Amino acid sequence: MEKEITEGLVFSYDKTSDILYLSIGEPQEGIDEEVEEGIFVRLNPKTRSPNGIMIMDFERRFSNNKTKPLPLKIENISYAGA
């Protein structure tokens, strides 16, 4: 049986919903904060540090072969309550 990867950057893609999920390490529960339309950062509920990203309409946004930045700046995420 192949060992499941639970370290580093882990991603999964839901083709039906066209959503890309990225997590830092094993996916965890958290608070989702929309930082751009259709782009959510998942925050640890205790530390408010980012532990994942969800990109809706992923294929539509990134289907051309041109490189483009993700409109997201982690340092701008609110850490209120940390």
C-alpha atoms as a PDB file:
ATOM      1  CA  MET A   1       0.000   0.000   0.000  1.00  0.00           C
ATOM      2  CA  GLU A   2       1.365   3.423  -0.964  1.00  0.00           C
ATOM      3  CA  LYS A   3       1.916   5.868   1.896  1.00  0.00           C
ATOM      4  CA  GLU A   4      -0.310   8.939   1.725  1.00  0.00           C
ATOM      5  CA  ILE A   5       1.599  12.224   1.571  1.00  0.00           C
ATOM      6  CA  THR A   6       0.801  14.404   4.571  1.00  0.00           C
ATOM      7  CA  GLU A   7       3.768  16.809   4.581  1.00  0.00           C
ATOM      8  CA  GLY A   8       4.670  19.745   2.368  1.00  0.00           C
ATOM      9  CA  LEU A   9       2.128  21.278   0.026  1.00  0.00           C
ATOM     10  CA  VAL A  10      -0.755  18.863  -0.605  1.00  0.00           C
ATOM     11  CA  PHE A  11      -3.318  19.523  -3.310  1.00  0.00           C
ATOM     12  CA  SER A  12      -6.478  17.990  -4.684  1.00  0.00           C
ATOM     13  CA  TYR A  13      -8.742  19.015  -7.529  1.00  0.00           C
ATOM     14  CA  ASP A  14     -12.503  18.529  -7.721  1.00  0.00           C
ATOM     15  CA  LYS A  15     -13.141  18.568 -11.488  1.00  0.00           C
ATOM     16  CA  THR A  16     -16.932  18.499 -11.117  1.00  0.00           C
ATOM     17  CA  SER A  17     -16.943  21.645  -8.980  1.00  0.00           C
ATOM     18  CA  ASP A  18     -13.780  23.085 -10.606  1.00  0.00           C
ATOM     19  CA  ILE A  19     -12.168  23.763  -7.233  1.00  0.00           C
ATOM     20  CA  LEU A  20      -8.481  23.390  -6.376  1.00  0.00           C
ATOM     21  CA  TYR A  21      -7.659  22.715  -2.728  1.00  0.00           C
ATOM     22  CA  LEU A  22      -4.140  23.342  -1.403  1.00  0.00           C
ATOM     23  CA  SER A  23      -3.104  22.569   2.149  1.00  0.00           C
ATOM     24  CA  ILE A  24       0.115  22.981   4.041  1.00  0.00           C
ATOM     25  CA  GLY A  25       0.653  19.464   5.325  1.00  0.00           C
ATOM     26  CA  GLU A  26      -2.312  17.229   5.999  1.00  0.00           C
ATOM     27  CA  PRO A  27      -5.656  19.005   5.313  1.00  0.00           C
ATOM     28  CA  GLN A  28      -7.084  20.462   8.516  1.00  0.00           C
ATOM     29  CA  GLU A  29     -10.281  22.076   9.635  1.00  0.00           C
ATOM     30  CA  GLY A  30     -10.177  25.833   9.745  1.00  0.00           C
ATOM     31  CA  ILE A  31     -11.876  29.131   9.163  1.00  0.00           C
ATOM     32  CA  ASP A  32     -12.184  30.082   5.491  1.00  0.00           C
ATOM     33  CA  GLU A  33     -11.613  33.759   4.703  1.00  0.00           C
ATOM     34  CA  GLU A  34     -12.333  35.057   1.199  1.00  0.00           C
ATOM     35  CA  VAL A  35      -9.379  37.229   0.181  1.00  0.00           C
ATOM     36  CA  GLU A  36     -10.314  37.707  -3.473  1.00  0.00           C
ATOM     37  CA  GLU A  37     -13.518  36.763  -5.266  1.00  0.00           C
ATOM     38  CA  GLY A  38     -13.577  32.950  -5.292  1.00  0.00           C
ATOM     39  CA  ILE A  39     -10.232  32.578  -3.494  1.00  0.00           C
ATOM     40  CA  PHE A  40     -10.273  31.532   0.134  1.00  0.00           C
ATOM     41  CA  VAL A  41      -7.489  31.113   2.665  1.00  0.00           C
ATOM     42  CA  ARG A  42      -8.066  28.552   5.401  1.00  0.00           C
ATOM     43  CA  LEU A  43      -6.872  29.745   8.792  1.00  0.00           C
ATOM     44  CA  ASN A  44      -6.100  27.686  11.868  1.00  0.00           C
ATOM     45  CA  PRO A  45      -8.919  28.624  14.288  1.00  0.00           C
ATOM     46  CA  LYS A  46      -6.530  28.914  17.264  1.00  0.00           C
ATOM     47  CA  THR A  47      -3.464  30.615  15.773  1.00  0.00           C
ATOM     48  CA  ARG A  48      -5.126  32.274  12.741  1.00  0.00           C
ATOM     49  CA  SER A  49      -2.109  31.200  10.656  1.00  0.00           C
ATOM     50  CA  PRO A  50      -2.825  30.053   7.069  1.00  0.00           C
ATOM     51  CA  ASN A  51      -2.964  26.289   6.523  1.00  0.00           C
ATOM     52  CA  GLY A  52      -4.617  26.088   3.113  1.00  0.00           C
ATOM     53  CA  ILE A  53      -6.070  27.778   0.047  1.00  0.00           C
ATOM     54  CA  MET A  54      -9.179  27.034  -2.011  1.00  0.00           C
ATOM     55  CA  ILE A  55      -9.490  28.374  -5.568  1.00  0.00           C
ATOM     56  CA  MET A  56     -12.953  28.223  -7.114  1.00  0.00           C
ATOM     57  CA  ASP A  57     -13.339  28.150 -10.923  1.00  0.00           C
ATOM     58  CA  PHE A  58      -9.724  26.977 -11.127  1.00  0.00           C
ATOM     59  CA  GLU A  59      -9.779  25.662 -14.696  1.00  0.00           C
ATOM     60  CA  ARG A  60     -11.545  28.775 -15.987  1.00  0.00           C
ATOM     61  CA  ARG A  61      -9.014  31.042 -14.248  1.00  0.00           C
ATOM     62  CA  PHE A  62      -5.892  29.138 -15.286  1.00  0.00           C
ATOM     63  CA  SER A  63      -6.822  27.205 -18.448  1.00  0.00           C
ATOM     64  CA  ASN A  64      -4.656  29.240 -20.824  1.00  0.00           C
ATOM     65  CA  ASN A  65      -0.978  28.405 -20.947  1.00  0.00           C
ATOM     66  CA  LYS A  66       0.145  31.831 -19.790  1.00  0.00           C
ATOM     67  CA  THR A  67       1.754  32.192 -16.387  1.00  0.00           C
ATOM     68  CA  LYS A  68      -0.076  34.621 -14.156  1.00  0.00           C
ATOM     69  CA  PRO A  69       0.119  35.431 -10.480  1.00  0.00           C
ATOM     70  CA  LEU A  70      -2.491  34.284  -8.042  1.00  0.00           C
ATOM     71  CA  PRO A  71      -4.145  37.500  -6.815  1.00  0.00           C
ATOM     72  CA  LEU A  72      -3.305  36.782  -3.207  1.00  0.00           C
ATOM     73  CA  LYS A  73      -0.848  38.214  -0.727  1.00  0.00           C
ATOM     74  CA  ILE A  74      -0.576  36.031   2.371  1.00  0.00           C
ATOM     75  CA  GLU A  75       0.910  38.900   4.374  1.00  0.00           C
ATOM     76  CA  ASN A  76      -2.339  40.882   3.911  1.00  0.00           C
ATOM     77  CA  ILE A  77      -4.453  38.257   5.664  1.00  0.00           C
ATOM     78  CA  SER A  78      -5.960  39.413   8.932  1.00  0.00           C
ATOM     79  CA  TYR A  79      -4.624  37.625  11.979  1.00  0.00           C
ATOM     80  CA  ALA A  80      -7.118  39.211  14.361  1.00  0.00           C
ATOM     81  CA  GLY A  81      -7.555  37.235  17.515  1.00  0.00           C
ATOM     82  CA  ALA A  82      -4.198  35.518  17.253  1.00  0.00           C
END
